[in-house]
Amino acid sequence: MWWAIGVAQLSAFVIAVVGVLMVNRYDVELDQFHALYGFSAIVAVGILYSYRGSPFVKDKVYLLYGLGGLFIMGLGIRAMYLGTH
């Protein structure tokens, strides 16, 4: 299961890098909140990874990654919605 979580979290970084490259190369007008939600997903991945080895979360690591994954999914959905409107 952890390899799938790693792939999903790395995809957040890849999407952000591709988005930055597209905005810079093609001079795309971007809503500020779209970028905020995208980079908040990267920060959330970093926070999840940093708490992974914490002693007080050791027995709740599945809950941490479950709720963290739902939070990142919500950020992604909100960023997609802002990108289309």
C-alpha atoms as a PDB file:
ATOM      1  CA  MET A   1       0.000   0.000   0.000  1.00  0.00           C
ATOM      2  CA  TRP A   2       2.840   2.422   0.791  1.00  0.00           C
ATOM      3  CA  TRP A   3       4.151   2.398  -2.771  1.00  0.00           C
ATOM      4  CA  ALA A   4       0.752   3.633  -4.018  1.00  0.00           C
ATOM      5  CA  ILE A   5       0.785   6.437  -1.443  1.00  0.00           C
ATOM      6  CA  GLY A   6       4.310   7.375  -2.543  1.00  0.00           C
ATOM      7  CA  VAL A   7       3.245   7.511  -6.197  1.00  0.00           C
ATOM      8  CA  ALA A   8       0.205   9.637  -5.345  1.00  0.00           C
ATOM      9  CA  GLN A   9       2.236  12.060  -3.259  1.00  0.00           C
ATOM     10  CA  LEU A  10       4.987  12.348  -5.860  1.00  0.00           C
ATOM     11  CA  SER A  11       2.336  13.115  -8.457  1.00  0.00           C
ATOM     12  CA  ALA A  12       1.397  16.228  -6.448  1.00  0.00           C
ATOM     13  CA  PHE A  13       4.956  17.486  -6.931  1.00  0.00           C
ATOM     14  CA  VAL A  14       4.997  16.569 -10.625  1.00  0.00           C
ATOM     15  CA  ILE A  15       1.687  18.338 -11.256  1.00  0.00           C
ATOM     16  CA  ALA A  16       2.912  21.461  -9.471  1.00  0.00           C
ATOM     17  CA  VAL A  17       6.168  21.547 -11.448  1.00  0.00           C
ATOM     18  CA  VAL A  18       4.360  21.018 -14.752  1.00  0.00           C
ATOM     19  CA  GLY A  19       1.871  23.756 -13.803  1.00  0.00           C
ATOM     20  CA  VAL A  20       4.641  26.226 -13.000  1.00  0.00           C
ATOM     21  CA  LEU A  21       6.403  25.424 -16.275  1.00  0.00           C
ATOM     22  CA  MET A  22       3.198  25.895 -18.265  1.00  0.00           C
ATOM     23  CA  VAL A  23       2.402  29.211 -16.592  1.00  0.00           C
ATOM     24  CA  ASN A  24       5.923  30.502 -17.239  1.00  0.00           C
ATOM     25  CA  ARG A  25       6.307  29.184 -20.781  1.00  0.00           C
ATOM     26  CA  TYR A  26       2.857  29.923 -22.215  1.00  0.00           C
ATOM     27  CA  ASP A  27       2.109  33.014 -20.127  1.00  0.00           C
ATOM     28  CA  VAL A  28      -1.172  31.600 -18.838  1.00  0.00           C
ATOM     29  CA  GLU A  29      -3.325  33.799 -16.592  1.00  0.00           C
ATOM     30  CA  LEU A  30      -3.863  31.878 -13.370  1.00  0.00           C
ATOM     31  CA  ASP A  31      -6.243  32.483 -10.491  1.00  0.00           C
ATOM     32  CA  GLN A  32      -4.257  33.065  -7.293  1.00  0.00           C
ATOM     33  CA  PHE A  33      -6.308  30.563  -5.343  1.00  0.00           C
ATOM     34  CA  HIS A  34      -5.550  27.855  -7.925  1.00  0.00           C
ATOM     35  CA  ALA A  35      -1.834  28.202  -7.189  1.00  0.00           C
ATOM     36  CA  LEU A  36      -2.520  28.414  -3.445  1.00  0.00           C
ATOM     37  CA  TYR A  37      -4.357  25.088  -3.407  1.00  0.00           C
ATOM     38  CA  GLY A  38      -1.694  23.452  -5.560  1.00  0.00           C
ATOM     39  CA  PHE A  39       1.168  24.498  -3.332  1.00  0.00           C
ATOM     40  CA  SER A  40      -0.850  23.731  -0.201  1.00  0.00           C
ATOM     41  CA  ALA A  41      -1.018  20.134  -1.415  1.00  0.00           C
ATOM     42  CA  ILE A  42       2.783  20.056  -1.575  1.00  0.00           C
ATOM     43  CA  VAL A  43       3.028  21.462   1.944  1.00  0.00           C
ATOM     44  CA  ALA A  44       0.494  18.885   3.162  1.00  0.00           C
ATOM     45  CA  VAL A  45       2.577  16.067   1.670  1.00  0.00           C
ATOM     46  CA  GLY A  46       5.629  17.415   3.483  1.00  0.00           C
ATOM     47  CA  ILE A  47       3.753  17.618   6.781  1.00  0.00           C
ATOM     48  CA  LEU A  48       2.430  14.073   6.404  1.00  0.00           C
ATOM     49  CA  TYR A  49       5.897  12.762   5.654  1.00  0.00           C
ATOM     50  CA  SER A  50       7.414  14.597   8.626  1.00  0.00           C
ATOM     51  CA  TYR A  51       4.851  13.155  11.066  1.00  0.00           C
ATOM     52  CA  ARG A  52       5.302   9.625   9.745  1.00  0.00           C
ATOM     53  CA  GLY A  53       8.139   8.784  12.141  1.00  0.00           C
ATOM     54  CA  SER A  54       6.806  10.723  15.112  1.00  0.00           C
ATOM     55  CA  PRO A  55       6.465   8.608  18.281  1.00  0.00           C
ATOM     56  CA  PHE A  56       3.021   9.944  19.218  1.00  0.00           C
ATOM     57  CA  VAL A  57       1.605   9.054  15.778  1.00  0.00           C
ATOM     58  CA  LYS A  58       3.237   5.611  15.543  1.00  0.00           C
ATOM     59  CA  ASP A  59       0.024   3.692  16.279  1.00  0.00           C
ATOM     60  CA  LYS A  60      -2.175   6.073  14.234  1.00  0.00           C
ATOM     61  CA  VAL A  61      -0.147   6.244  11.021  1.00  0.00           C
ATOM     62  CA  TYR A  62      -3.015   4.839   8.922  1.00  0.00           C
ATOM     63  CA  LEU A  63      -5.409   7.411  10.299  1.00  0.00           C
ATOM     64  CA  LEU A  64      -2.852  10.156   9.625  1.00  0.00           C
ATOM     65  CA  TYR A  65      -2.372   9.142   6.007  1.00  0.00           C
ATOM     66  CA  GLY A  66      -6.078   8.480   5.482  1.00  0.00           C
ATOM     67  CA  LEU A  67      -7.175  11.901   6.665  1.00  0.00           C
ATOM     68  CA  GLY A  68      -4.167  13.560   5.045  1.00  0.00           C
ATOM     69  CA  GLY A  69      -4.992  11.891   1.741  1.00  0.00           C
ATOM     70  CA  LEU A  70      -8.576  13.107   1.946  1.00  0.00           C
ATOM     71  CA  PHE A  71      -7.342  16.630   2.663  1.00  0.00           C
ATOM     72  CA  ILE A  72      -4.996  16.559  -0.354  1.00  0.00           C
ATOM     73  CA  MET A  73      -7.811  15.172  -2.509  1.00  0.00           C
ATOM     74  CA  GLY A  74     -10.039  18.054  -1.417  1.00  0.00           C
ATOM     75  CA  LEU A  75      -7.325  20.552  -2.328  1.00  0.00           C
ATOM     76  CA  GLY A  76      -6.965  18.942  -5.747  1.00  0.00           C
ATOM     77  CA  ILE A  77     -10.685  18.972  -6.445  1.00  0.00           C
ATOM     78  CA  ARG A  78     -10.957  22.597  -5.364  1.00  0.00           C
ATOM     79  CA  ALA A  79      -7.983  23.560  -7.554  1.00  0.00           C
ATOM     80  CA  MET A  80      -9.582  21.785 -10.544  1.00  0.00           C
ATOM     81  CA  TYR A  81     -12.864  23.590  -9.937  1.00  0.00           C
ATOM     82  CA  LEU A  82     -11.086  26.964  -9.799  1.00  0.00           C
ATOM     83  CA  GLY A  83      -9.169  26.121 -12.956  1.00  0.00           C
ATOM     84  CA  THR A  84     -12.383  25.675 -14.950  1.00  0.00           C
ATOM     85  CA  HIS A  85     -14.321  28.690 -13.654  1.00  0.00           C
END
